[in-house]
N, C-alpha and C. Protein backbone atom coordinates (compact mmCIF):
# COMPACT_ATOMS: atom_id res chain seq x y z
N TYR A 1 -13.39 -17.93 170.63
CA TYR A 1 -13.18 -19.33 170.99
C TYR A 1 -13.81 -20.25 169.95
N ILE A 2 -13.22 -21.44 169.82
CA ILE A 2 -13.69 -22.39 168.81
C ILE A 2 -15.15 -22.76 169.03
N GLU A 3 -15.51 -23.01 170.29
CA GLU A 3 -16.88 -23.45 170.57
C GLU A 3 -17.90 -22.37 170.24
N GLN A 4 -17.53 -21.10 170.41
CA GLN A 4 -18.44 -20.01 170.07
C GLN A 4 -18.67 -19.94 168.56
N TYR A 5 -17.61 -20.17 167.79
CA TYR A 5 -17.75 -20.17 166.34
C TYR A 5 -18.64 -21.34 165.89
N ILE A 6 -18.41 -22.52 166.45
CA ILE A 6 -19.23 -23.67 166.09
C ILE A 6 -20.69 -23.42 166.41
N ASN A 7 -20.95 -22.84 167.56
CA ASN A 7 -22.33 -22.53 167.94
C ASN A 7 -22.98 -21.53 166.99
N SER A 8 -22.17 -20.63 166.44
CA SER A 8 -22.73 -19.61 165.56
C SER A 8 -23.11 -20.16 164.19
N VAL A 9 -22.39 -21.19 163.74
CA VAL A 9 -22.66 -21.73 162.40
C VAL A 9 -23.42 -23.05 162.43
N ARG A 10 -23.25 -23.84 163.51
CA ARG A 10 -23.94 -25.13 163.61
C ARG A 10 -24.46 -25.33 165.04
N PRO A 11 -25.46 -24.55 165.42
CA PRO A 11 -25.93 -24.60 166.82
C PRO A 11 -26.53 -25.94 167.21
N GLU A 12 -26.86 -26.79 166.23
CA GLU A 12 -27.48 -28.08 166.56
C GLU A 12 -26.45 -29.12 167.01
N LEU A 13 -25.17 -28.83 166.81
CA LEU A 13 -24.14 -29.80 167.17
C LEU A 13 -23.93 -29.85 168.68
N ARG A 14 -23.66 -31.03 169.18
CA ARG A 14 -23.36 -31.21 170.60
C ARG A 14 -21.85 -31.12 170.78
N MET A 15 -21.41 -30.56 171.89
CA MET A 15 -19.98 -30.41 172.14
C MET A 15 -19.59 -31.01 173.48
N VAL A 16 -18.38 -31.53 173.51
CA VAL A 16 -17.78 -32.05 174.74
C VAL A 16 -16.37 -31.48 174.83
N PHE A 17 -16.02 -30.94 175.97
CA PHE A 17 -14.64 -30.48 176.19
C PHE A 17 -13.80 -31.66 176.67
N LEU A 18 -12.59 -31.77 176.11
CA LEU A 18 -11.67 -32.82 176.54
C LEU A 18 -10.39 -32.16 177.05
N LEU A 19 -10.12 -32.35 178.31
CA LEU A 19 -8.92 -31.78 178.94
C LEU A 19 -7.83 -32.84 178.87
N ASN A 20 -7.03 -32.78 177.81
CA ASN A 20 -6.00 -33.79 177.55
C ASN A 20 -4.69 -33.41 178.25
N LYS A 21 -3.78 -34.38 178.34
CA LYS A 21 -2.46 -34.20 178.94
C LYS A 21 -2.56 -33.80 180.41
N ILE A 22 -3.48 -34.44 181.12
CA ILE A 22 -3.66 -34.09 182.53
C ILE A 22 -2.48 -34.50 183.39
N ASP A 23 -1.59 -35.33 182.85
CA ASP A 23 -0.40 -35.70 183.60
C ASP A 23 0.57 -34.54 183.75
N LEU A 24 0.35 -33.46 183.00
CA LEU A 24 1.27 -32.32 183.02
C LEU A 24 0.84 -31.22 183.98
N ILE A 25 -0.30 -31.38 184.65
CA ILE A 25 -0.78 -30.34 185.55
C ILE A 25 -1.09 -30.94 186.92
N PRO A 26 -1.00 -30.12 187.98
CA PRO A 26 -1.32 -30.63 189.32
C PRO A 26 -2.79 -31.04 189.42
N LYS A 27 -3.07 -31.94 190.36
CA LYS A 27 -4.42 -32.47 190.52
C LYS A 27 -5.41 -31.36 190.87
N ASP A 28 -5.01 -30.40 191.71
CA ASP A 28 -5.94 -29.33 192.08
C ASP A 28 -6.25 -28.43 190.90
N ALA A 29 -5.26 -28.19 190.04
CA ALA A 29 -5.49 -27.38 188.84
C ALA A 29 -6.45 -28.10 187.89
N ARG A 30 -6.28 -29.42 187.78
CA ARG A 30 -7.19 -30.22 186.94
C ARG A 30 -8.62 -30.11 187.44
N ALA A 31 -8.80 -30.21 188.75
CA ALA A 31 -10.15 -30.13 189.34
C ALA A 31 -10.78 -28.77 189.08
N GLN A 32 -9.99 -27.71 189.19
CA GLN A 32 -10.52 -26.37 188.96
C GLN A 32 -10.93 -26.18 187.51
N TRP A 33 -10.11 -26.68 186.58
CA TRP A 33 -10.45 -26.55 185.16
C TRP A 33 -11.69 -27.37 184.81
N LEU A 34 -11.82 -28.54 185.40
CA LEU A 34 -13.01 -29.36 185.14
C LEU A 34 -14.27 -28.65 185.64
N THR A 35 -14.18 -28.04 186.80
CA THR A 35 -15.33 -27.30 187.33
C THR A 35 -15.68 -26.12 186.43
N HIS A 36 -14.65 -25.40 186.01
CA HIS A 36 -14.87 -24.21 185.17
C HIS A 36 -15.46 -24.58 183.81
N LEU A 37 -14.89 -25.58 183.15
CA LEU A 37 -15.34 -25.95 181.81
C LEU A 37 -16.69 -26.67 181.83
N SER A 38 -16.93 -27.44 182.88
CA SER A 38 -18.19 -28.19 182.97
C SER A 38 -19.40 -27.28 183.10
N ALA A 39 -19.17 -26.02 183.46
CA ALA A 39 -20.29 -25.08 183.54
C ALA A 39 -20.86 -24.77 182.16
N GLU A 40 -20.06 -25.02 181.10
CA GLU A 40 -20.51 -24.74 179.74
C GLU A 40 -20.93 -26.01 179.00
N TYR A 41 -20.06 -27.04 179.04
CA TYR A 41 -20.33 -28.27 178.30
C TYR A 41 -19.83 -29.47 179.12
N PRO A 42 -20.31 -30.67 178.80
CA PRO A 42 -19.73 -31.86 179.45
C PRO A 42 -18.23 -31.87 179.23
N THR A 43 -17.47 -32.16 180.27
CA THR A 43 -16.01 -32.09 180.21
C THR A 43 -15.40 -33.35 180.79
N CYS A 44 -14.42 -33.90 180.08
CA CYS A 44 -13.73 -35.11 180.52
C CYS A 44 -12.24 -34.84 180.65
N ALA A 45 -11.65 -35.35 181.72
CA ALA A 45 -10.20 -35.32 181.86
C ALA A 45 -9.62 -36.54 181.15
N PHE A 46 -8.42 -36.39 180.58
CA PHE A 46 -7.90 -37.44 179.71
C PHE A 46 -6.38 -37.37 179.66
N LYS A 47 -5.77 -38.53 179.52
CA LYS A 47 -4.35 -38.60 179.18
C LYS A 47 -4.20 -39.63 178.09
N ALA A 48 -3.91 -39.15 176.90
CA ALA A 48 -3.76 -40.07 175.77
C ALA A 48 -2.52 -40.93 175.95
N ALA A 49 -2.55 -42.10 175.36
CA ALA A 49 -1.40 -42.99 175.41
C ALA A 49 -0.22 -42.37 174.65
N THR A 50 0.98 -42.65 175.11
CA THR A 50 2.20 -42.16 174.46
C THR A 50 2.92 -43.33 173.78
N GLN A 51 4.07 -43.02 173.19
CA GLN A 51 4.85 -44.06 172.52
C GLN A 51 5.21 -45.19 173.48
N ALA A 52 5.39 -44.81 174.77
CA ALA A 52 5.75 -45.83 175.76
C ALA A 52 4.61 -46.81 176.01
N GLY A 53 3.39 -46.40 175.62
CA GLY A 53 2.23 -47.26 175.83
C GLY A 53 1.93 -48.18 174.66
N LEU A 54 2.74 -48.11 173.61
CA LEU A 54 2.52 -48.95 172.43
C LEU A 54 3.08 -50.34 172.63
N ARG A 55 2.32 -51.32 172.18
CA ARG A 55 2.80 -52.70 172.15
C ARG A 55 2.60 -53.20 170.73
N GLY A 56 3.61 -52.95 169.91
CA GLY A 56 3.44 -53.18 168.49
C GLY A 56 2.53 -52.10 167.94
N ASN A 57 1.40 -52.51 167.39
CA ASN A 57 0.42 -51.56 166.87
C ASN A 57 -0.72 -51.33 167.86
N LYS A 58 -0.66 -51.98 169.02
CA LYS A 58 -1.70 -51.87 170.02
C LYS A 58 -1.37 -50.75 171.02
N VAL A 59 -2.42 -50.06 171.44
CA VAL A 59 -2.27 -48.95 172.38
C VAL A 59 -2.81 -49.37 173.74
N GLY A 60 -1.99 -49.20 174.78
CA GLY A 60 -2.39 -49.61 176.11
C GLY A 60 -3.40 -48.66 176.74
N ARG A 61 -4.30 -49.22 177.55
CA ARG A 61 -5.29 -48.42 178.26
C ARG A 61 -5.31 -48.82 179.72
N CYS A 62 -5.16 -47.84 180.60
CA CYS A 62 -5.16 -48.09 182.04
C CYS A 62 -6.59 -48.38 182.52
N ALA A 63 -6.74 -49.35 183.39
CA ALA A 63 -8.06 -49.72 183.89
C ALA A 63 -8.58 -48.71 184.91
N ALA A 64 -7.69 -47.95 185.53
CA ALA A 64 -8.10 -47.00 186.57
C ALA A 64 -8.80 -45.80 185.97
N GLU A 65 -9.79 -45.27 186.70
CA GLU A 65 -10.44 -44.02 186.31
C GLU A 65 -9.51 -42.85 186.64
N VAL A 66 -9.80 -41.69 186.05
CA VAL A 66 -8.96 -40.52 186.27
C VAL A 66 -8.85 -40.19 187.76
N ASP A 67 -9.97 -40.21 188.47
CA ASP A 67 -9.97 -39.80 189.88
C ASP A 67 -9.20 -40.76 190.78
N THR A 68 -9.07 -42.02 190.35
CA THR A 68 -8.38 -43.00 191.20
C THR A 68 -7.00 -43.38 190.67
N ALA A 69 -6.62 -42.85 189.53
CA ALA A 69 -5.31 -43.18 188.95
C ALA A 69 -4.18 -42.63 189.81
N THR A 70 -3.16 -43.42 189.99
CA THR A 70 -1.99 -42.98 190.74
C THR A 70 -1.10 -42.09 189.87
N ASN A 71 -0.15 -41.41 190.51
CA ASN A 71 0.78 -40.59 189.75
C ASN A 71 1.58 -41.44 188.77
N ALA A 72 1.93 -42.66 189.19
CA ALA A 72 2.67 -43.56 188.30
C ALA A 72 1.85 -43.91 187.07
N GLN A 73 0.55 -44.14 187.26
CA GLN A 73 -0.32 -44.48 186.12
C GLN A 73 -0.50 -43.28 185.20
N LEU A 74 -0.63 -42.08 185.78
CA LEU A 74 -0.78 -40.88 184.96
C LEU A 74 0.48 -40.58 184.17
N ARG A 75 1.62 -40.90 184.73
CA ARG A 75 2.90 -40.62 184.06
C ARG A 75 3.35 -41.77 183.17
N GLY A 76 2.61 -42.86 183.19
CA GLY A 76 2.97 -44.00 182.35
C GLY A 76 2.55 -43.80 180.90
N GLY A 77 2.77 -44.81 180.09
CA GLY A 77 2.49 -44.69 178.68
C GLY A 77 1.06 -45.01 178.28
N GLU A 78 0.30 -45.65 179.19
CA GLU A 78 -1.05 -46.06 178.84
C GLU A 78 -2.04 -44.90 178.94
N CYS A 79 -3.13 -45.02 178.20
CA CYS A 79 -4.20 -44.02 178.23
C CYS A 79 -4.96 -44.09 179.55
N VAL A 80 -5.37 -42.92 180.04
CA VAL A 80 -6.20 -42.82 181.24
C VAL A 80 -7.39 -41.92 180.91
N GLY A 81 -8.59 -42.38 181.22
CA GLY A 81 -9.77 -41.55 181.01
C GLY A 81 -10.64 -41.94 179.83
N ALA A 82 -10.26 -42.98 179.10
CA ALA A 82 -11.00 -43.36 177.90
C ALA A 82 -12.41 -43.85 178.23
N ASP A 83 -12.55 -44.60 179.30
CA ASP A 83 -13.86 -45.17 179.63
C ASP A 83 -14.88 -44.07 179.92
N GLU A 84 -14.47 -43.05 180.65
CA GLU A 84 -15.40 -41.95 180.95
C GLU A 84 -15.80 -41.21 179.68
N LEU A 85 -14.83 -40.93 178.82
CA LEU A 85 -15.14 -40.24 177.57
C LEU A 85 -16.10 -41.06 176.71
N LEU A 86 -15.87 -42.36 176.63
CA LEU A 86 -16.76 -43.21 175.85
C LEU A 86 -18.17 -43.23 176.42
N ARG A 87 -18.27 -43.21 177.75
CA ARG A 87 -19.60 -43.17 178.36
C ARG A 87 -20.34 -41.89 177.98
N VAL A 88 -19.62 -40.76 177.97
CA VAL A 88 -20.24 -39.49 177.61
C VAL A 88 -20.68 -39.51 176.16
N LEU A 89 -19.83 -39.99 175.26
CA LEU A 89 -20.17 -40.03 173.84
C LEU A 89 -21.36 -40.94 173.59
N LYS A 90 -21.38 -42.09 174.23
CA LYS A 90 -22.48 -43.03 174.01
C LYS A 90 -23.78 -42.52 174.62
N SER A 91 -23.68 -41.76 175.70
CA SER A 91 -24.90 -41.19 176.27
C SER A 91 -25.50 -40.16 175.33
N ILE A 92 -24.65 -39.42 174.62
CA ILE A 92 -25.14 -38.46 173.62
C ILE A 92 -25.75 -39.22 172.44
N ALA A 93 -25.06 -40.27 172.00
CA ALA A 93 -25.54 -41.04 170.85
C ALA A 93 -26.89 -41.69 171.11
N HIS A 94 -27.11 -42.09 172.36
CA HIS A 94 -28.36 -42.79 172.68
C HIS A 94 -29.39 -41.86 173.33
N GLY A 95 -29.09 -40.56 173.31
CA GLY A 95 -30.00 -39.62 173.94
C GLY A 95 -31.08 -39.09 173.04
N GLY A 96 -31.16 -39.61 171.81
CA GLY A 96 -32.22 -39.18 170.90
C GLY A 96 -31.92 -37.89 170.17
N SER A 97 -30.69 -37.38 170.30
CA SER A 97 -30.36 -36.11 169.66
C SER A 97 -29.49 -36.28 168.43
N VAL A 98 -29.24 -37.53 168.03
CA VAL A 98 -28.43 -37.78 166.84
C VAL A 98 -29.22 -38.65 165.88
N ALA A 99 -28.76 -38.69 164.63
CA ALA A 99 -29.46 -39.45 163.60
C ALA A 99 -29.37 -40.94 163.89
N THR A 100 -30.37 -41.69 163.44
CA THR A 100 -30.37 -43.13 163.62
C THR A 100 -30.40 -43.82 162.27
N TYR A 101 -29.91 -45.03 162.25
CA TYR A 101 -29.91 -45.82 161.02
C TYR A 101 -30.23 -47.26 161.42
N GLY A 102 -31.31 -47.76 160.88
CA GLY A 102 -31.71 -49.11 161.23
C GLY A 102 -32.09 -49.24 162.69
N GLY A 103 -32.58 -48.13 163.28
CA GLY A 103 -32.98 -48.16 164.67
C GLY A 103 -31.84 -47.95 165.65
N LYS A 104 -30.61 -47.79 165.14
CA LYS A 104 -29.45 -47.60 166.02
C LYS A 104 -28.88 -46.20 165.82
N ALA A 105 -28.42 -45.62 166.92
CA ALA A 105 -27.84 -44.28 166.86
C ALA A 105 -26.55 -44.30 166.05
N ARG A 106 -26.38 -43.29 165.20
CA ARG A 106 -25.14 -43.14 164.44
C ARG A 106 -24.63 -41.73 164.66
N MET A 107 -23.35 -41.59 164.95
CA MET A 107 -22.81 -40.30 165.29
C MET A 107 -21.37 -40.18 164.80
N THR A 108 -21.04 -39.01 164.25
CA THR A 108 -19.66 -38.69 163.89
C THR A 108 -19.12 -37.69 164.89
N VAL A 109 -17.98 -38.01 165.46
CA VAL A 109 -17.36 -37.16 166.49
C VAL A 109 -16.11 -36.52 165.90
N GLY A 110 -16.15 -35.21 165.74
CA GLY A 110 -14.99 -34.48 165.25
C GLY A 110 -14.08 -34.10 166.40
N ILE A 111 -12.79 -34.40 166.28
CA ILE A 111 -11.79 -34.03 167.29
C ILE A 111 -11.13 -32.75 166.81
N VAL A 112 -11.40 -31.64 167.50
CA VAL A 112 -10.99 -30.32 167.04
C VAL A 112 -10.13 -29.66 168.11
N GLY A 113 -9.07 -28.95 167.69
CA GLY A 113 -8.24 -28.25 168.66
C GLY A 113 -7.02 -27.64 168.01
N TYR A 114 -6.22 -26.97 168.83
CA TYR A 114 -4.97 -26.37 168.34
C TYR A 114 -4.00 -27.46 167.88
N PRO A 115 -2.99 -27.09 167.10
CA PRO A 115 -1.98 -28.08 166.69
C PRO A 115 -1.27 -28.69 167.89
N ASN A 116 -0.98 -29.96 167.79
CA ASN A 116 -0.13 -30.67 168.74
C ASN A 116 -0.70 -30.74 170.16
N VAL A 117 -2.02 -30.79 170.27
CA VAL A 117 -2.62 -30.98 171.60
C VAL A 117 -2.97 -32.44 171.85
N GLY A 118 -2.69 -33.30 170.86
CA GLY A 118 -2.91 -34.73 171.05
C GLY A 118 -4.19 -35.28 170.45
N LYS A 119 -4.71 -34.62 169.41
CA LYS A 119 -5.98 -35.07 168.82
C LYS A 119 -5.85 -36.48 168.25
N SER A 120 -4.80 -36.74 167.49
CA SER A 120 -4.63 -38.07 166.90
C SER A 120 -4.33 -39.11 167.98
N SER A 121 -3.62 -38.70 169.02
CA SER A 121 -3.33 -39.63 170.11
C SER A 121 -4.61 -40.01 170.86
N VAL A 122 -5.54 -39.07 170.97
CA VAL A 122 -6.83 -39.37 171.59
C VAL A 122 -7.57 -40.44 170.78
N ILE A 123 -7.58 -40.28 169.47
CA ILE A 123 -8.25 -41.26 168.60
C ILE A 123 -7.60 -42.63 168.75
N ASN A 124 -6.28 -42.69 168.71
CA ASN A 124 -5.59 -43.97 168.87
C ASN A 124 -5.90 -44.61 170.22
N SER A 125 -6.00 -43.77 171.24
CA SER A 125 -6.28 -44.29 172.59
C SER A 125 -7.68 -44.88 172.67
N LEU A 126 -8.65 -44.23 172.02
CA LEU A 126 -10.01 -44.75 172.03
C LEU A 126 -10.11 -46.04 171.23
N LEU A 127 -9.38 -46.11 170.13
CA LEU A 127 -9.41 -47.30 169.27
C LEU A 127 -8.60 -48.46 169.84
N ARG A 128 -7.66 -48.12 170.74
CA ARG A 128 -6.71 -49.08 171.29
C ARG A 128 -5.76 -49.61 170.23
N GLN A 129 -5.55 -48.86 169.19
CA GLN A 129 -4.55 -49.20 168.18
C GLN A 129 -4.10 -47.94 167.46
N LYS A 130 -2.93 -48.01 166.86
CA LYS A 130 -2.37 -46.84 166.19
C LYS A 130 -2.94 -46.74 164.79
N ALA A 131 -3.99 -45.93 164.66
CA ALA A 131 -4.64 -45.74 163.37
C ALA A 131 -4.31 -44.39 162.76
N ALA A 132 -3.97 -43.41 163.59
CA ALA A 132 -3.66 -42.06 163.12
C ALA A 132 -2.20 -41.74 163.44
N PRO A 133 -1.45 -41.15 162.49
CA PRO A 133 -0.05 -40.82 162.76
C PRO A 133 0.08 -39.75 163.82
N THR A 134 1.11 -39.87 164.66
CA THR A 134 1.34 -38.91 165.73
C THR A 134 2.82 -38.52 165.76
N GLY A 135 3.11 -37.43 166.45
CA GLY A 135 4.48 -36.98 166.61
C GLY A 135 4.54 -35.83 167.58
N ASP A 136 5.77 -35.44 167.96
CA ASP A 136 5.92 -34.38 168.95
C ASP A 136 6.09 -33.01 168.30
N ARG A 137 5.79 -32.92 167.01
CA ARG A 137 5.86 -31.64 166.31
C ARG A 137 4.48 -31.28 165.76
N PRO A 138 4.15 -30.00 165.68
CA PRO A 138 2.87 -29.60 165.11
C PRO A 138 2.79 -29.95 163.63
N GLY A 139 1.59 -30.20 163.14
CA GLY A 139 1.39 -30.38 161.71
C GLY A 139 1.53 -31.79 161.19
N ILE A 140 1.52 -32.78 162.08
CA ILE A 140 1.63 -34.17 161.63
C ILE A 140 0.40 -34.56 160.80
N THR A 141 -0.78 -34.20 161.29
CA THR A 141 -2.02 -34.49 160.56
C THR A 141 -2.23 -33.43 159.49
N LYS A 142 -2.27 -33.85 158.23
CA LYS A 142 -2.34 -32.92 157.11
C LYS A 142 -3.74 -32.76 156.53
N CYS A 143 -4.60 -33.72 156.75
CA CYS A 143 -5.94 -33.67 156.16
C CYS A 143 -6.94 -34.41 157.04
N LEU A 144 -8.22 -34.22 156.74
CA LEU A 144 -9.26 -34.92 157.49
C LEU A 144 -9.21 -36.41 157.21
N GLN A 145 -9.43 -37.22 158.23
CA GLN A 145 -9.51 -38.65 158.04
C GLN A 145 -10.49 -39.23 159.05
N THR A 146 -11.24 -40.24 158.63
CA THR A 146 -12.23 -40.86 159.50
C THR A 146 -11.79 -42.26 159.88
N VAL A 147 -12.12 -42.64 161.12
CA VAL A 147 -11.88 -44.00 161.60
C VAL A 147 -13.12 -44.45 162.34
N GLN A 148 -13.43 -45.71 162.25
CA GLN A 148 -14.63 -46.25 162.88
C GLN A 148 -14.32 -46.74 164.28
N LEU A 149 -14.95 -46.13 165.27
CA LEU A 149 -14.75 -46.56 166.65
C LEU A 149 -15.56 -47.82 166.94
N ASP A 150 -16.84 -47.78 166.59
CA ASP A 150 -17.71 -48.96 166.68
C ASP A 150 -18.83 -48.79 165.67
N LYS A 151 -19.86 -49.61 165.74
CA LYS A 151 -20.94 -49.55 164.75
C LYS A 151 -21.70 -48.24 164.78
N GLY A 152 -21.66 -47.55 165.92
CA GLY A 152 -22.45 -46.33 166.03
C GLY A 152 -21.67 -45.04 166.01
N ILE A 153 -20.35 -45.10 166.21
CA ILE A 153 -19.56 -43.88 166.35
C ILE A 153 -18.38 -43.88 165.38
N THR A 154 -18.31 -42.82 164.57
CA THR A 154 -17.17 -42.58 163.69
C THR A 154 -16.39 -41.40 164.23
N LEU A 155 -15.07 -41.53 164.28
CA LEU A 155 -14.21 -40.45 164.76
C LEU A 155 -13.59 -39.74 163.56
N LEU A 156 -13.56 -38.42 163.64
CA LEU A 156 -13.02 -37.59 162.56
C LEU A 156 -11.79 -36.86 163.07
N ASP A 157 -10.62 -37.26 162.57
CA ASP A 157 -9.36 -36.60 162.92
C ASP A 157 -9.17 -35.40 162.00
N SER A 158 -8.59 -34.33 162.53
CA SER A 158 -8.46 -33.11 161.74
C SER A 158 -7.13 -32.44 162.02
N PRO A 159 -6.62 -31.66 161.05
CA PRO A 159 -5.43 -30.85 161.31
C PRO A 159 -5.73 -29.81 162.38
N GLY A 160 -4.70 -29.24 162.96
CA GLY A 160 -4.89 -28.23 163.99
C GLY A 160 -5.62 -27.01 163.47
N VAL A 161 -6.39 -26.38 164.36
CA VAL A 161 -7.11 -25.17 164.02
C VAL A 161 -6.10 -24.07 163.63
N VAL A 162 -6.41 -23.32 162.58
CA VAL A 162 -5.53 -22.24 162.13
C VAL A 162 -5.47 -21.16 163.21
N ILE A 163 -4.27 -20.78 163.58
CA ILE A 163 -4.06 -19.81 164.65
C ILE A 163 -4.21 -18.39 164.13
N ASP A 164 -4.67 -17.50 164.98
CA ASP A 164 -4.78 -16.08 164.66
C ASP A 164 -3.42 -15.57 164.18
N PRO A 165 -3.34 -15.05 162.95
CA PRO A 165 -2.04 -14.61 162.42
C PRO A 165 -1.42 -13.48 163.22
N SER A 166 -2.20 -12.79 164.03
CA SER A 166 -1.65 -11.70 164.84
C SER A 166 -1.00 -12.20 166.12
N ALA A 167 -1.13 -13.51 166.42
CA ALA A 167 -0.55 -14.06 167.65
C ALA A 167 0.97 -13.96 167.61
N SER A 168 1.57 -13.66 168.74
CA SER A 168 3.03 -13.52 168.82
C SER A 168 3.68 -14.89 168.82
N THR A 169 4.99 -14.90 168.52
CA THR A 169 5.74 -16.14 168.54
C THR A 169 5.71 -16.77 169.92
N VAL A 170 5.75 -15.93 170.96
CA VAL A 170 5.70 -16.43 172.33
C VAL A 170 4.38 -17.15 172.59
N ASP A 171 3.26 -16.54 172.18
CA ASP A 171 1.96 -17.18 172.37
C ASP A 171 1.89 -18.51 171.64
N LEU A 172 2.39 -18.55 170.41
CA LEU A 172 2.35 -19.78 169.62
C LEU A 172 3.21 -20.86 170.27
N ALA A 173 4.37 -20.47 170.79
CA ALA A 173 5.27 -21.44 171.41
C ALA A 173 4.65 -22.02 172.68
N LEU A 174 4.00 -21.17 173.48
CA LEU A 174 3.40 -21.64 174.72
C LEU A 174 2.23 -22.58 174.45
N ARG A 175 1.60 -22.43 173.29
CA ARG A 175 0.52 -23.35 172.91
C ARG A 175 1.07 -24.55 172.14
N HIS A 176 2.38 -24.61 171.99
CA HIS A 176 3.04 -25.70 171.26
C HIS A 176 2.53 -25.80 169.82
N CYS A 177 2.23 -24.63 169.24
CA CYS A 177 1.72 -24.59 167.87
C CYS A 177 2.84 -24.48 166.85
N VAL A 178 4.06 -24.24 167.31
CA VAL A 178 5.22 -24.20 166.42
C VAL A 178 6.30 -25.07 167.03
N ALA A 179 7.13 -25.66 166.17
CA ALA A 179 8.23 -26.48 166.66
C ALA A 179 9.24 -25.59 167.40
N VAL A 180 9.86 -26.15 168.43
CA VAL A 180 10.79 -25.37 169.25
C VAL A 180 11.92 -24.80 168.41
N ASP A 181 12.40 -25.56 167.43
CA ASP A 181 13.53 -25.07 166.63
C ASP A 181 13.12 -23.97 165.65
N LYS A 182 11.81 -23.67 165.60
CA LYS A 182 11.33 -22.57 164.76
C LYS A 182 11.06 -21.30 165.57
N VAL A 183 11.25 -21.37 166.88
CA VAL A 183 10.99 -20.22 167.75
C VAL A 183 12.21 -19.32 167.77
N ASP A 184 12.02 -18.05 167.43
CA ASP A 184 13.17 -17.13 167.35
C ASP A 184 13.33 -16.29 168.60
N ASP A 185 12.49 -16.49 169.61
CA ASP A 185 12.59 -15.70 170.84
C ASP A 185 12.42 -16.62 172.04
N LEU A 186 13.39 -17.50 172.23
CA LEU A 186 13.31 -18.46 173.34
C LEU A 186 13.38 -17.75 174.70
N GLU A 187 14.16 -16.69 174.77
CA GLU A 187 14.23 -15.95 176.04
C GLU A 187 12.88 -15.33 176.38
N GLY A 188 12.19 -14.83 175.36
CA GLY A 188 10.86 -14.27 175.58
C GLY A 188 9.89 -15.32 176.09
N VAL A 189 9.99 -16.54 175.55
CA VAL A 189 9.14 -17.64 176.02
C VAL A 189 9.44 -17.95 177.48
N ALA A 190 10.73 -18.03 177.81
CA ALA A 190 11.13 -18.32 179.19
C ALA A 190 10.63 -17.24 180.15
N ARG A 191 10.77 -15.98 179.75
CA ARG A 191 10.30 -14.89 180.61
C ARG A 191 8.79 -14.96 180.84
N GLU A 192 8.05 -15.32 179.80
CA GLU A 192 6.60 -15.40 179.93
C GLU A 192 6.20 -16.57 180.85
N ILE A 193 6.93 -17.68 180.77
CA ILE A 193 6.65 -18.80 181.67
C ILE A 193 6.88 -18.39 183.12
N VAL A 194 7.98 -17.69 183.36
CA VAL A 194 8.28 -17.22 184.73
C VAL A 194 7.22 -16.23 185.19
N ARG A 195 6.78 -15.35 184.28
CA ARG A 195 5.76 -14.37 184.66
C ARG A 195 4.45 -15.05 185.04
N ARG A 196 4.07 -16.07 184.29
CA ARG A 196 2.80 -16.74 184.54
C ARG A 196 2.86 -17.66 185.76
N CYS A 197 3.98 -18.35 185.92
CA CYS A 197 4.06 -19.38 186.96
C CYS A 197 4.71 -18.88 188.25
N GLY A 198 5.51 -17.83 188.13
CA GLY A 198 6.26 -17.35 189.28
C GLY A 198 7.62 -18.02 189.37
N ALA A 199 8.63 -17.24 189.72
CA ALA A 199 10.00 -17.76 189.78
C ALA A 199 10.14 -18.94 190.75
N PRO A 200 9.54 -18.91 191.95
CA PRO A 200 9.69 -20.06 192.87
C PRO A 200 9.21 -21.37 192.27
N SER A 201 8.09 -21.34 191.54
CA SER A 201 7.55 -22.57 190.94
C SER A 201 8.47 -23.09 189.85
N VAL A 202 9.04 -22.18 189.05
CA VAL A 202 9.95 -22.60 187.98
C VAL A 202 11.22 -23.19 188.57
N ARG A 203 11.76 -22.53 189.62
CA ARG A 203 12.96 -23.08 190.26
C ARG A 203 12.70 -24.46 190.84
N ALA A 204 11.54 -24.65 191.45
CA ALA A 204 11.22 -25.95 192.03
C ALA A 204 11.05 -27.02 190.96
N ALA A 205 10.42 -26.65 189.85
CA ALA A 205 10.16 -27.63 188.79
C ALA A 205 11.44 -28.12 188.14
N PHE A 206 12.43 -27.22 188.02
CA PHE A 206 13.68 -27.57 187.32
C PHE A 206 14.88 -27.66 188.23
N SER A 207 14.64 -27.66 189.57
CA SER A 207 15.71 -27.79 190.57
C SER A 207 16.80 -26.75 190.34
N LEU A 208 16.38 -25.51 190.17
CA LEU A 208 17.31 -24.42 189.94
C LEU A 208 17.70 -23.75 191.26
N PRO A 209 18.90 -23.18 191.33
CA PRO A 209 19.33 -22.52 192.57
C PRO A 209 18.55 -21.24 192.83
N GLU A 210 18.52 -20.81 194.07
CA GLU A 210 17.79 -19.63 194.47
C GLU A 210 18.29 -18.36 193.76
N GLN A 211 19.55 -18.36 193.35
CA GLN A 211 20.12 -17.17 192.74
C GLN A 211 19.50 -16.86 191.38
N LEU A 212 18.87 -17.83 190.75
CA LEU A 212 18.28 -17.62 189.42
C LEU A 212 16.86 -17.13 189.53
């Protein structure tokens, strides 16, 4: 796991888990993942703003917290969960565990994860403006880039983590690490989704007849 590698080479770094795209999972599944991940590190639920949330170059942010957001707000284009994440980051910055400059805490926050999990969209959502390029295909971010969130926090956008070369095409597709038009075993991907989710759930999600 990424966090285990980071701990092995830079144990002094603080980590926060960010559960992005929470609009794509049921509320009970979100709660279970938050409980599971929070046992290791501080964990925040999040939904980055989408193209529908853009107003020119400005990125919309929902005023509702994750726990009180309606389904309509979670499925909308605005970001949900930014305030909680910012509170966690600022609590770390002011907790005496980061470097200070001129008496004020200074911290660089690296956004790390698999390709196409929404790292750049998270940065844009926190900034409330489109500063990092985004897209629905893996590999949009080609190099490291920094953006200033405020006087004390710098955000570091990064390309997706390199995937284990032994991973199958099906595994890569399910992690959205490869573009759909590059997947050569779509039937295998579909079978794996059915295996993991169960045929009844897949039929319900896509309004498929019982015969399938």
